[in-house]
C-alpha atoms as a PDB file:
ATOM      1  CA  SER A   1    -150.177 117.762 -40.663  1.00  0.00           C
ATOM      2  CA  PRO A   2    -147.840 120.427 -39.265  1.00  0.00           C
ATOM      3  CA  ARG A   3    -149.517 122.077 -35.775  1.00  0.00           C
ATOM      4  CA  PHE A   4    -149.445 125.705 -35.131  1.00  0.00           C
ATOM      5  CA  THR A   5    -146.719 126.893 -32.210  1.00  0.00           C
ATOM      6  CA  LEU A   6    -148.031 130.282 -30.968  1.00  0.00           C
ATOM      7  CA  PRO A   7    -145.493 132.420 -29.793  1.00  0.00           C
ATOM      8  CA  PRO A   8    -145.808 134.185 -25.547  1.00  0.00           C
ATOM      9  CA  THR A   9    -147.775 137.220 -25.691  1.00  0.00           C
ATOM     10  CA  THR A  10    -147.098 138.451 -22.142  1.00  0.00           C
ATOM     11  CA  SER A  11    -144.139 140.545 -21.092  1.00  0.00           C
ATOM     12  CA  SER A  12    -142.824 141.401 -17.380  1.00  0.00           C
ATOM     13  CA  ALA A  13    -142.114 144.889 -18.597  1.00  0.00           C
ATOM     14  CA  ALA A  14    -144.229 147.544 -19.610  1.00  0.00           C
ATOM     15  CA  PRO A  15    -142.717 147.937 -23.462  1.00  0.00           C
ATOM     16  CA  THR A  16    -141.779 151.288 -24.937  1.00  0.00           C
ATOM     17  CA  ALA A  17    -142.551 151.745 -28.141  1.00  0.00           C
ATOM     18  CA  GLN A  18    -141.719 153.716 -31.858  1.00  0.00           C
ATOM     19  CA  ALA A  19    -143.771 154.385 -34.479  1.00  0.00           C
ATOM     20  CA  ALA A  20    -143.032 153.480 -38.211  1.00  0.00           C
ATOM     21  CA  ARG A  21    -144.782 153.482 -41.760  1.00  0.00           C
ATOM     22  CA  PHE A  22    -144.809 150.227 -43.752  1.00  0.00           C
ATOM     23  CA  GLY A  23    -141.688 149.750 -45.636  1.00  0.00           C
ATOM     24  CA  ASP A  24    -139.661 152.102 -42.825  1.00  0.00           C
ATOM     25  CA  ALA A  25    -136.254 149.891 -41.710  1.00  0.00           C
ATOM     26  CA  ILE A  26    -135.984 150.144 -37.541  1.00  0.00           C
ATOM     27  CA  THR A  27    -133.401 148.938 -35.495  1.00  0.00           C
ATOM     28  CA  LEU A  28    -134.373 146.211 -33.186  1.00  0.00           C
ATOM     29  CA  SER A  29    -131.753 145.938 -30.236  1.00  0.00           C
ATOM     30  CA  ASN A  30    -131.835 142.119 -28.043  1.00  0.00           C
ATOM     31  CA  SER A  31    -130.688 141.572 -25.082  1.00  0.00           C
ATOM     32  CA  ASP A  32    -127.881 139.646 -25.889  1.00  0.00           C
ATOM     33  CA  GLY A  33    -126.337 142.807 -27.679  1.00  0.00           C
ATOM     34  CA  SER A  34    -127.721 141.449 -31.290  1.00  0.00           C
ATOM     35  CA  GLN A  35    -128.978 144.229 -33.945  1.00  0.00           C
ATOM     36  CA  VAL A  36    -131.365 143.708 -36.297  1.00  0.00           C
ATOM     37  CA  ALA A  37    -133.105 146.050 -38.863  1.00  0.00           C
ATOM     38  CA  VAL A  38    -136.629 145.110 -39.560  1.00  0.00           C
ATOM     39  CA  THR A  39    -138.369 146.322 -42.503  1.00  0.00           C
ATOM     40  CA  PRO A  40    -141.979 145.366 -43.091  1.00  0.00           C
ATOM     41  CA  LEU A  41    -142.029 145.067 -47.021  1.00  0.00           C
ATOM     42  CA  SER A  42    -145.777 143.964 -47.807  1.00  0.00           C
ATOM     43  CA  ILE A  43    -148.868 142.123 -46.479  1.00  0.00           C
ATOM     44  CA  LYS A  44    -151.393 140.486 -48.245  1.00  0.00           C
ATOM     45  CA  GLU A  45    -154.676 137.966 -47.496  1.00  0.00           C
ATOM     46  CA  VAL A  46    -153.840 134.108 -48.286  1.00  0.00           C
ATOM     47  CA  VAL A  47    -155.821 131.327 -48.031  1.00  0.00           C
ATOM     48  CA  ASN A  48    -154.977 127.654 -47.209  1.00  0.00           C
ATOM     49  CA  PRO A  49    -151.388 128.087 -47.206  1.00  0.00           C
ATOM     50  CA  SER A  50    -149.432 125.078 -47.546  1.00  0.00           C
ATOM     51  CA  GLN A  51    -152.300 122.471 -46.134  1.00  0.00           C
ATOM     52  CA  HIS A  52    -153.165 124.864 -43.466  1.00  0.00           C
ATOM     53  CA  ALA A  53    -156.920 125.850 -43.349  1.00  0.00           C
ATOM     54  CA  GLY A  54    -158.165 128.952 -42.705  1.00  0.00           C
ATOM     55  CA  SER A  55    -157.145 132.651 -44.063  1.00  0.00           C
ATOM     56  CA  PHE A  56    -153.734 134.119 -43.114  1.00  0.00           C
ATOM     57  CA  ALA A  57    -152.146 137.513 -42.926  1.00  0.00           C
ATOM     58  CA  ALA A  58    -149.088 137.062 -45.166  1.00  0.00           C
ATOM     59  CA  LEU A  59    -146.440 139.726 -44.035  1.00  0.00           C
ATOM     60  CA  LYS A  60    -143.494 139.995 -46.053  1.00  0.00           C
ATOM     61  CA  VAL A  61    -140.573 141.369 -43.737  1.00  0.00           C
ATOM     62  CA  ALA A  62    -136.845 142.100 -44.289  1.00  0.00           C
ATOM     63  CA  VAL A  63    -134.147 141.466 -41.760  1.00  0.00           C
ATOM     64  CA  LYS A  64    -130.220 142.183 -41.932  1.00  0.00           C
ATOM     65  CA  ASN A  65    -128.010 142.014 -38.698  1.00  0.00           C
ATOM     66  CA  VAL A  66    -126.442 145.539 -38.480  1.00  0.00           C
ATOM     67  CA  GLY A  67    -124.814 144.451 -35.400  1.00  0.00           C
ATOM     68  CA  SER A  68    -121.235 143.543 -34.573  1.00  0.00           C
ATOM     69  CA  VAL A  69    -122.443 139.306 -32.946  1.00  0.00           C
ATOM     70  CA  VAL A  70    -124.457 137.016 -34.334  1.00  0.00           C
ATOM     71  CA  TYR A  71    -128.842 136.989 -34.393  1.00  0.00           C
ATOM     72  CA  SER A  72    -129.884 133.627 -33.665  1.00  0.00           C
ATOM     73  CA  GLY A  73    -133.968 133.991 -33.155  1.00  0.00           C
ATOM     74  CA  VAL A  74    -137.220 133.893 -34.031  1.00  0.00           C
ATOM     75  CA  LEU A  75    -138.925 137.196 -35.024  1.00  0.00           C
ATOM     76  CA  SER A  76    -142.341 136.324 -35.485  1.00  0.00           C
ATOM     77  CA  SER A  77    -142.398 135.111 -31.827  1.00  0.00           C
ATOM     78  CA  GLY A  78    -142.418 138.534 -30.906  1.00  0.00           C
ATOM     79  CA  ALA A  79    -144.832 139.628 -34.030  1.00  0.00           C
ATOM     80  CA  ALA A  80    -148.157 140.493 -33.637  1.00  0.00           C
ATOM     81  CA  LEU A  81    -150.923 142.625 -36.114  1.00  0.00           C
ATOM     82  CA  LEU A  82    -153.473 145.292 -34.267  1.00  0.00           C
ATOM     83  CA  ASN A  83    -156.630 145.862 -36.231  1.00  0.00           C
ATOM     84  CA  HIS A  84    -158.604 148.909 -36.039  1.00  0.00           C
ATOM     85  CA  ALA A  85    -160.737 147.980 -33.164  1.00  0.00           C
ATOM     86  CA  GLY A  86    -157.818 147.629 -31.040  1.00  0.00           C
ATOM     87  CA  GLY A  87    -157.372 143.791 -31.306  1.00  0.00           C
ATOM     88  CA  GLU A  88    -154.459 141.945 -31.689  1.00  0.00           C
ATOM     89  CA  THR A  89    -153.042 138.244 -33.647  1.00  0.00           C
ATOM     90  CA  ASN A  90    -149.819 136.930 -32.669  1.00  0.00           C
ATOM     91  CA  ALA A  91    -147.933 135.551 -35.354  1.00  0.00           C
ATOM     92  CA  VAL A  92    -147.701 131.574 -35.942  1.00  0.00           C
ATOM     93  CA  ILE A  93    -145.451 129.362 -37.151  1.00  0.00           C
ATOM     94  CA  THR A  94    -146.558 126.726 -40.081  1.00  0.00           C
ATOM     95  CA  GLY A  95    -143.467 125.213 -41.745  1.00  0.00           C
ATOM     96  CA  VAL A  96    -144.576 126.981 -45.405  1.00  0.00           C
ATOM     97  CA  PRO A  97    -142.118 127.516 -47.314  1.00  0.00           C
ATOM     98  CA  GLY A  98    -140.236 131.136 -47.664  1.00  0.00           C
ATOM     99  CA  GLU A  99    -141.677 131.713 -43.642  1.00  0.00           C
ATOM    100  CA  LEU A 100    -139.015 133.860 -41.746  1.00  0.00           C
ATOM    101  CA  GLY A 101    -138.889 131.101 -38.958  1.00  0.00           C
ATOM    102  CA  SER A 102    -135.568 130.555 -36.877  1.00  0.00           C
ATOM    103  CA  LEU A 103    -132.995 132.869 -37.528  1.00  0.00           C
ATOM    104  CA  HIS A 104    -129.447 132.997 -37.763  1.00  0.00           C
ATOM    105  CA  LEU A 105    -127.464 135.823 -39.330  1.00  0.00           C
ATOM    106  CA  ASN A 106    -124.276 136.708 -39.027  1.00  0.00           C
ATOM    107  CA  PRO A 107    -123.473 140.394 -39.042  1.00  0.00           C
ATOM    108  CA  GLY A 108    -124.123 142.020 -42.362  1.00  0.00           C
ATOM    109  CA  GLU A 109    -126.533 139.358 -43.718  1.00  0.00           C
ATOM    110  CA  ARG A 110    -130.272 139.541 -45.129  1.00  0.00           C
ATOM    111  CA  GLN A 111    -132.973 137.611 -45.340  1.00  0.00           C
ATOM    112  CA  VAL A 112    -136.154 138.521 -46.543  1.00  0.00           C
ATOM    113  CA  GLY A 113    -139.763 136.050 -45.872  1.00  0.00           C
ATOM    114  CA  VAL A 114    -143.200 135.716 -44.579  1.00  0.00           C
ATOM    115  CA  ILE A 115    -144.392 135.931 -40.884  1.00  0.00           C
ATOM    116  CA  TYR A 116    -148.194 134.319 -41.155  1.00  0.00           C
ATOM    117  CA  PHE A 117    -151.147 135.671 -38.544  1.00  0.00           C
ATOM    118  CA  PRO A 118    -154.206 133.493 -38.599  1.00  0.00           C
ATOM    119  CA  GLY A 119    -157.662 134.991 -38.631  1.00  0.00           C
ATOM    120  CA  VAL A 120    -156.924 138.044 -40.001  1.00  0.00           C
ATOM    121  CA  ARG A 121    -157.749 140.003 -43.025  1.00  0.00           C
ATOM    122  CA  ALA A 122    -155.447 142.335 -44.655  1.00  0.00           C
ATOM    123  CA  SER A 123    -157.662 145.285 -44.680  1.00  0.00           C
ATOM    124  CA  ALA A 124    -158.242 145.170 -41.167  1.00  0.00           C
ATOM    125  CA  VAL A 125    -154.823 145.503 -39.882  1.00  0.00           C
ATOM    126  CA  ALA A 126    -153.978 148.799 -39.029  1.00  0.00           C
ATOM    127  CA  ALA A 127    -150.343 148.436 -37.484  1.00  0.00           C
ATOM    128  CA  LEU A 128    -147.555 145.585 -37.204  1.00  0.00           C
ATOM    129  CA  GLN A 129    -145.862 145.457 -33.606  1.00  0.00           C
ATOM    130  CA  ILE A 130    -142.631 143.289 -33.158  1.00  0.00           C
ATOM    131  CA  THR A 131    -141.143 143.070 -29.265  1.00  0.00           C
ATOM    132  CA  ASN A 132    -137.679 142.115 -28.802  1.00  0.00           C
ATOM    133  CA  ASP A 133    -135.561 139.309 -27.313  1.00  0.00           C
ATOM    134  CA  GLU A 134    -138.305 136.715 -28.797  1.00  0.00           C
ATOM    135  CA  GLY A 135    -141.346 139.037 -27.515  1.00  0.00           C
ATOM    136  CA  THR A 136    -140.339 138.860 -23.553  1.00  0.00           C
ATOM    137  CA  GLY A 137    -138.492 141.989 -24.191  1.00  0.00           C
ATOM    138  CA  SER A 138    -139.098 145.656 -22.633  1.00  0.00           C
ATOM    139  CA  THR A 139    -139.169 147.049 -25.851  1.00  0.00           C
ATOM    140  CA  THR A 140    -141.788 147.054 -28.599  1.00  0.00           C
ATOM    141  CA  LEU A 141    -141.436 148.611 -32.610  1.00  0.00           C
ATOM    142  CA  LEU A 142    -144.388 149.715 -34.083  1.00  0.00           C
ATOM    143  CA  TRP A 143    -145.380 150.212 -37.730  1.00  0.00           C
ATOM    144  CA  GLN A 144    -148.529 152.043 -38.758  1.00  0.00           C
ATOM    145  CA  LEU A 145    -150.571 151.060 -42.010  1.00  0.00           C
END
């Protein structure tokens, strides 16, 4: 049975944020010069995805390389859902088919997949945040629900 891998949750620099709404594309710039447009498309609650026990929020996301260099990274490592009380839940890697795991996108390429968040009811989600450089960067993008 696959094990969950939790992404890093801290950043050495205070992140800066820009806000948007679900369905809006925002460009995430990384320190390696890569740039991807990230668009959260939908969120729903799923139970026991592919033999993983429990309830998960499944966030469908489109990612397009809008830069001039290859993007290689794990977008979900910098992703977190925020609830209405201000709590934060980091994404996990599940290995479920269709998951947006490790990406390798040439300029102009686009991929759509799902990011999973354990123990989160979709109705309790207030916002999505994604921090550049797989969660270690200084820029955090924010989408309000």
